Every structure is written in C-alpha cells, then in structure tokens.
Amino acid sequence: MIPDDDPNRSLTVAHPDDPGTTYVSLVGNTYAMLITGEQTNGQYCLIDMRVPDGGGPPPHRHDFEEMFTILEGEVEFMFRGERHTVRAGSTINIPANAPHNFRNVSGAAARMLCMCTPAGQDEYFLRIGDVIAGKDAPPPRLSPDELAERRRRAAELASTYRSEFL
C-alpha cells in the first residue's frame, strides 16, 4: 500500500544560479548542492559538479548508487579497472560497492549532475570541502598543511559516509 501524502514535505525547485545554493570547493572541483538529503527525507541528493580539465577524485567505492549525467565536456570513468569515456548528453550509473573514479578529459571544464541514492554524499562534501561564494569563485588557496588536513578529514570521515578510498 502507498502511504498517505506527507503535507510537511514541499516541492523543491533547484537551479545552480539560485542565490541560496551552497557551493563547495573540493579537490579543485566546484560542487553546487542542488537538492540535499534533508530536502528528500534522505532518499537522494543531486549535485551539480563543475570539474576542471584533468580534475576528478581518487579511486574509491561506496555502498550507494551514484548516477552522472554529463552536461558539458567529456569525462573518463574508471569502473572496475576499465576505462569508459562518457560525453555530454550521456548518463552513467555506478552500482553500489564498485571501485571507480573519474577524470575530466575534455581539454576544458566539464559539468555533470550527480545523483546519489540514498543521500549522504552531500553532507560528506560539505564536511570535507570548503564553502565558496558561487560557481565562478576560485578555489581557496590552501597551504600544504591545510591540504593535508583536508585529506586527513576526508579519510577519517569516509566510513561515516559509507565510503572507502582505494
């Protein structure tokens, strides 16, 4: 049976240029938190990712599904040791627990939407990255000690957010 409608939940309309959007700088990428787990009752989160040429995360895995829709550019995904190049207009789903990472191979900035289900990745990024003023704001200039602190915090919190670096 389908449960009754929950009138305490409201419609969410997200746009990356909305002044209320939170932007996070993480490993040189800029992530806009479009729809958070708080807004979806933990069901999923949606992140607008802007990735500079050559950018992307280190190899990792996590126990939740992650889907990417490439909006601009060309992104190379490493999935279980195999390379897959995905171009603008395509969508790729990474199954839970599978080792993967991605790298922008466009020669220019790439942009993609990332949906994680269930939510949690949004919170993780907020805890390990740096909130910035907007999509065009430069990443903060971090000292070697600050970079080491970010890496330490990411590793320390990874298991809390059901993730593992490889």
C-alpha atoms as a PDB file:
ATOM      1  CA  MET A   1       0.000   0.000   0.000  1.00  0.00           C
ATOM      2  CA  ILE A   2       1.147   3.518  -0.767  1.00  0.00           C
ATOM      3  CA  PRO A   3       1.418   5.717   2.350  1.00  0.00           C
ATOM      4  CA  ASP A   4      -0.575   8.924   2.649  1.00  0.00           C
ATOM      5  CA  ASP A   5       0.921  12.117   1.272  1.00  0.00           C
ATOM      6  CA  ASP A   6       3.131  13.939   3.792  1.00  0.00           C
ATOM      7  CA  PRO A   7       1.996  17.587   3.688  1.00  0.00           C
ATOM      8  CA  ASN A   8       5.074  18.564   5.712  1.00  0.00           C
ATOM      9  CA  ARG A   9       7.218  17.878   2.641  1.00  0.00           C
ATOM     10  CA  SER A  10       7.270  20.580  -0.009  1.00  0.00           C
ATOM     11  CA  LEU A  11       8.051  20.895  -3.682  1.00  0.00           C
ATOM     12  CA  THR A  12      11.725  21.625  -4.372  1.00  0.00           C
ATOM     13  CA  VAL A  13      12.823  23.619  -7.394  1.00  0.00           C
ATOM     14  CA  ALA A  14      16.596  23.798  -7.777  1.00  0.00           C
ATOM     15  CA  HIS A  15      18.717  25.965 -10.032  1.00  0.00           C
ATOM     16  CA  PRO A  16      22.505  26.310  -9.806  1.00  0.00           C
ATOM     17  CA  ASP A  17      22.279  30.120 -10.088  1.00  0.00           C
ATOM     18  CA  ASP A  18      19.831  30.443  -7.187  1.00  0.00           C
ATOM     19  CA  PRO A  19      21.387  32.734  -4.540  1.00  0.00           C
ATOM     20  CA  GLY A  20      20.524  30.152  -1.855  1.00  0.00           C
ATOM     21  CA  THR A  21      22.599  27.401  -3.495  1.00  0.00           C
ATOM     22  CA  THR A  22      25.570  26.204  -1.449  1.00  0.00           C
ATOM     23  CA  TYR A  23      28.811  25.760  -3.414  1.00  0.00           C
ATOM     24  CA  VAL A  24      31.666  23.615  -2.183  1.00  0.00           C
ATOM     25  CA  SER A  25      35.234  23.553  -3.470  1.00  0.00           C
ATOM     26  CA  LEU A  26      36.727  20.082  -3.221  1.00  0.00           C
ATOM     27  CA  VAL A  27      39.996  18.908  -4.815  1.00  0.00           C
ATOM     28  CA  GLY A  28      39.773  21.793  -7.315  1.00  0.00           C
ATOM     29  CA  ASN A  29      36.193  20.966  -8.351  1.00  0.00           C
ATOM     30  CA  THR A  30      33.148  23.132  -7.627  1.00  0.00           C
ATOM     31  CA  TYR A  31      30.036  21.328  -6.421  1.00  0.00           C
ATOM     32  CA  ALA A  32      26.626  23.017  -6.167  1.00  0.00           C
ATOM     33  CA  MET A  33      24.326  21.283  -3.695  1.00  0.00           C
ATOM     34  CA  LEU A  34      21.110  21.446  -5.728  1.00  0.00           C
ATOM     35  CA  ILE A  35      18.917  19.052  -3.765  1.00  0.00           C
ATOM     36  CA  THR A  36      20.016  17.775  -0.375  1.00  0.00           C
ATOM     37  CA  GLY A  37      19.140  14.701   1.591  1.00  0.00           C
ATOM     38  CA  GLU A  38      17.399  16.977   4.069  1.00  0.00           C
ATOM     39  CA  GLN A  39      15.002  18.037   1.289  1.00  0.00           C
ATOM     40  CA  THR A  40      14.336  14.449   0.136  1.00  0.00           C
ATOM     41  CA  ASN A  41      13.951  12.811   3.523  1.00  0.00           C
ATOM     42  CA  GLY A  42      17.290  11.074   2.887  1.00  0.00           C
ATOM     43  CA  GLN A  43      16.162   9.410  -0.346  1.00  0.00           C
ATOM     44  CA  TYR A  44      18.746  11.043  -2.637  1.00  0.00           C
ATOM     45  CA  CYS A  45      20.830  14.142  -3.251  1.00  0.00           C
ATOM     46  CA  LEU A  46      21.601  15.969  -6.503  1.00  0.00           C
ATOM     47  CA  ILE A  47      24.903  17.772  -7.031  1.00  0.00           C
ATOM     48  CA  ASP A  48      25.908  19.975  -9.984  1.00  0.00           C
ATOM     49  CA  MET A  49      29.618  19.241 -10.499  1.00  0.00           C
ATOM     50  CA  ARG A  50      31.995  21.563 -12.344  1.00  0.00           C
ATOM     51  CA  VAL A  51      35.281  19.782 -12.935  1.00  0.00           C
ATOM     52  CA  PRO A  52      38.358  21.491 -14.430  1.00  0.00           C
ATOM     53  CA  ASP A  53      40.346  19.788 -17.174  1.00  0.00           C
ATOM     54  CA  GLY A  54      42.231  16.879 -15.624  1.00  0.00           C
ATOM     55  CA  GLY A  55      40.179  17.086 -12.416  1.00  0.00           C
ATOM     56  CA  GLY A  56      38.408  14.315 -10.576  1.00  0.00           C
ATOM     57  CA  PRO A  57      38.505  12.277  -7.360  1.00  0.00           C
ATOM     58  CA  PRO A  58      40.899   9.469  -6.437  1.00  0.00           C
ATOM     59  CA  PRO A  59      39.758   5.835  -6.784  1.00  0.00           C
ATOM     60  CA  HIS A  60      37.070   4.987  -4.248  1.00  0.00           C
ATOM     61  CA  ARG A  61      33.900   2.990  -3.642  1.00  0.00           C
ATOM     62  CA  HIS A  62      30.789   3.364  -1.513  1.00  0.00           C
ATOM     63  CA  ASP A  63      27.663   1.420  -0.657  1.00  0.00           C
ATOM     64  CA  PHE A  64      25.219   3.680  -2.509  1.00  0.00           C
ATOM     65  CA  GLU A  65      24.280   4.189  -6.154  1.00  0.00           C
ATOM     66  CA  GLU A  66      25.785   7.136  -8.000  1.00  0.00           C
ATOM     67  CA  MET A  67      24.467   8.368 -11.333  1.00  0.00           C
ATOM     68  CA  PHE A  68      26.132  11.016 -13.504  1.00  0.00           C
ATOM     69  CA  THR A  69      24.610  12.909 -16.433  1.00  0.00           C
ATOM     70  CA  ILE A  70      27.278  14.693 -18.439  1.00  0.00           C
ATOM     71  CA  LEU A  71      26.055  18.200 -19.350  1.00  0.00           C
ATOM     72  CA  GLU A  72      29.270  19.611 -20.843  1.00  0.00           C
ATOM     73  CA  GLY A  73      32.547  18.033 -21.846  1.00  0.00           C
ATOM     74  CA  GLU A  74      33.928  14.527 -21.828  1.00  0.00           C
ATOM     75  CA  VAL A  75      34.636  12.519 -18.693  1.00  0.00           C
ATOM     76  CA  GLU A  76      36.602   9.310 -18.415  1.00  0.00           C
ATOM     77  CA  PHE A  77      35.246   6.915 -15.794  1.00  0.00           C
ATOM     78  CA  MET A  78      37.398   4.104 -14.463  1.00  0.00           C
ATOM     79  CA  PHE A  79      34.980   1.343 -13.442  1.00  0.00           C
ATOM     80  CA  ARG A  80      36.358  -1.915 -12.015  1.00  0.00           C
ATOM     81  CA  GLY A  81      39.659  -1.250 -13.784  1.00  0.00           C
ATOM     82  CA  GLU A  82      38.158  -0.473 -17.218  1.00  0.00           C
ATOM     83  CA  ARG A  83      38.050   2.983 -18.844  1.00  0.00           C
ATOM     84  CA  HIS A  84      34.774   4.343 -20.219  1.00  0.00           C
ATOM     85  CA  THR A  85      34.626   7.742 -21.910  1.00  0.00           C
ATOM     86  CA  VAL A  86      31.274   9.471 -21.487  1.00  0.00           C
ATOM     87  CA  ARG A  87      30.333  12.574 -23.473  1.00  0.00           C
ATOM     88  CA  ALA A  88      27.801  15.363 -22.966  1.00  0.00           C
ATOM     89  CA  GLY A  89      24.250  14.087 -23.230  1.00  0.00           C
ATOM     90  CA  SER A  90      25.042  10.663 -21.762  1.00  0.00           C
ATOM     91  CA  THR A  91      24.248   9.223 -18.345  1.00  0.00           C
ATOM     92  CA  ILE A  92      26.256   6.618 -16.460  1.00  0.00           C
ATOM     93  CA  ASN A  93      25.285   4.729 -13.307  1.00  0.00           C
ATOM     94  CA  ILE A  94      27.891   3.408 -10.883  1.00  0.00           C
ATOM     95  CA  PRO A  95      26.494   0.456  -8.895  1.00  0.00           C
ATOM     96  CA  ALA A  96      26.946   0.439  -5.133  1.00  0.00           C
ATOM     97  CA  ASN A  97      30.239  -1.008  -3.878  1.00  0.00           C
ATOM     98  CA  ALA A  98      32.006  -0.910  -7.282  1.00  0.00           C
ATOM     99  CA  PRO A  99      35.512   0.603  -7.384  1.00  0.00           C
ATOM    100  CA  HIS A 100      35.580   3.701  -9.582  1.00  0.00           C
ATOM    101  CA  ASN A 101      36.785   7.227 -10.171  1.00  0.00           C
ATOM    102  CA  PHE A 102      36.507   9.803 -12.946  1.00  0.00           C
ATOM    103  CA  ARG A 103      38.697  12.349 -14.700  1.00  0.00           C
ATOM    104  CA  ASN A 104      37.786  15.225 -16.981  1.00  0.00           C
ATOM    105  CA  VAL A 105      39.493  14.575 -20.333  1.00  0.00           C
ATOM    106  CA  SER A 106      37.772  17.404 -22.245  1.00  0.00           C
ATOM    107  CA  GLY A 107      40.649  19.824 -22.585  1.00  0.00           C
ATOM    108  CA  ALA A 108      38.248  22.328 -20.958  1.00  0.00           C
ATOM    109  CA  ALA A 109      35.919  22.415 -17.955  1.00  0.00           C
ATOM    110  CA  ALA A 110      33.294  19.674 -17.734  1.00  0.00           C
ATOM    111  CA  ARG A 111      29.953  19.804 -15.981  1.00  0.00           C
ATOM    112  CA  MET A 112      27.725  16.987 -14.799  1.00  0.00           C
ATOM    113  CA  LEU A 113      24.845  16.244 -12.498  1.00  0.00           C
ATOM    114  CA  CYS A 114      25.484  13.598  -9.858  1.00  0.00           C
ATOM    115  CA  MET A 115      22.632  11.884  -8.042  1.00  0.00           C
ATOM    116  CA  CYS A 116      23.415   9.677  -5.059  1.00  0.00           C
ATOM    117  CA  THR A 117      20.827   7.403  -3.540  1.00  0.00           C
ATOM    118  CA  PRO A 118      20.399   7.295  -0.661  1.00  0.00           C
ATOM    119  CA  ALA A 119      21.619  10.779   0.255  1.00  0.00           C
ATOM    120  CA  GLY A 120      24.697  11.458   2.349  1.00  0.00           C
ATOM    121  CA  GLN A 121      27.325  12.412  -0.217  1.00  0.00           C
ATOM    122  CA  ASP A 122      26.081  15.999   0.005  1.00  0.00           C
ATOM    123  CA  GLU A 123      26.784  16.083   3.753  1.00  0.00           C
ATOM    124  CA  TYR A 124      30.178  14.431   3.287  1.00  0.00           C
ATOM    125  CA  PHE A 125      31.250  17.012   0.707  1.00  0.00           C
ATOM    126  CA  LEU A 126      30.140  19.845   2.997  1.00  0.00           C
ATOM    127  CA  ARG A 127      32.201  18.406   5.856  1.00  0.00           C
ATOM    128  CA  ILE A 128      35.414  17.854   3.879  1.00  0.00           C
ATOM    129  CA  GLY A 129      35.332  20.710   1.350  1.00  0.00           C
ATOM    130  CA  ASP A 130      35.336  24.489   1.571  1.00  0.00           C
ATOM    131  CA  VAL A 131      32.154  26.505   1.059  1.00  0.00           C
ATOM    132  CA  ILE A 132      32.747  29.176  -1.593  1.00  0.00           C
ATOM    133  CA  ALA A 133      30.759  32.198  -2.795  1.00  0.00           C
ATOM    134  CA  GLY A 134      29.499  30.823  -6.112  1.00  0.00           C
ATOM    135  CA  LYS A 135      30.054  28.670  -9.186  1.00  0.00           C
ATOM    136  CA  ASP A 136      32.699  31.041 -10.564  1.00  0.00           C
ATOM    137  CA  ALA A 137      34.515  31.624  -7.271  1.00  0.00           C
ATOM    138  CA  PRO A 138      38.101  30.390  -7.337  1.00  0.00           C
ATOM    139  CA  PRO A 139      39.024  27.517  -5.053  1.00  0.00           C
ATOM    140  CA  PRO A 140      40.720  28.634  -1.859  1.00  0.00           C
ATOM    141  CA  ARG A 141      44.497  28.740  -1.897  1.00  0.00           C
ATOM    142  CA  LEU A 142      45.407  26.110   0.661  1.00  0.00           C
ATOM    143  CA  SER A 143      48.787  25.674   2.302  1.00  0.00           C
ATOM    144  CA  PRO A 144      50.396  22.224   2.298  1.00  0.00           C
ATOM    145  CA  ASP A 145      49.267  21.822   5.924  1.00  0.00           C
ATOM    146  CA  GLU A 146      45.675  22.762   5.022  1.00  0.00           C
ATOM    147  CA  LEU A 147      45.700  20.291   2.116  1.00  0.00           C
ATOM    148  CA  ALA A 148      46.985  17.573   4.435  1.00  0.00           C
ATOM    149  CA  GLU A 149      44.216  18.428   6.918  1.00  0.00           C
ATOM    150  CA  ARG A 150      41.551  18.126   4.169  1.00  0.00           C
ATOM    151  CA  ARG A 151      42.925  14.703   3.145  1.00  0.00           C
ATOM    152  CA  ARG A 152      43.051  13.553   6.771  1.00  0.00           C
ATOM    153  CA  ARG A 153      39.467  14.698   7.384  1.00  0.00           C
ATOM    154  CA  ALA A 154      38.235  13.010   4.168  1.00  0.00           C
ATOM    155  CA  ALA A 155      39.864   9.715   5.180  1.00  0.00           C
ATOM    156  CA  GLU A 156      38.655   9.999   8.771  1.00  0.00           C
ATOM    157  CA  LEU A 157      35.023  10.658   7.773  1.00  0.00           C
ATOM    158  CA  ALA A 158      34.872   8.251   4.812  1.00  0.00           C
ATOM    159  CA  SER A 159      33.493   5.311   6.791  1.00  0.00           C
ATOM    160  CA  THR A 160      30.867   7.557   8.442  1.00  0.00           C
ATOM    161  CA  TYR A 161      29.579   8.286   4.921  1.00  0.00           C
ATOM    162  CA  ARG A 162      29.853   4.650   3.781  1.00  0.00           C
ATOM    163  CA  SER A 163      32.860   5.338   1.522  1.00  0.00           C
ATOM    164  CA  GLU A 164      36.335   3.914   1.125  1.00  0.00           C
ATOM    165  CA  PHE A 165      39.392   5.289  -0.694  1.00  0.00           C
ATOM    166  CA  LEU A 166      41.357   2.697  -2.648  1.00  0.00           C
END
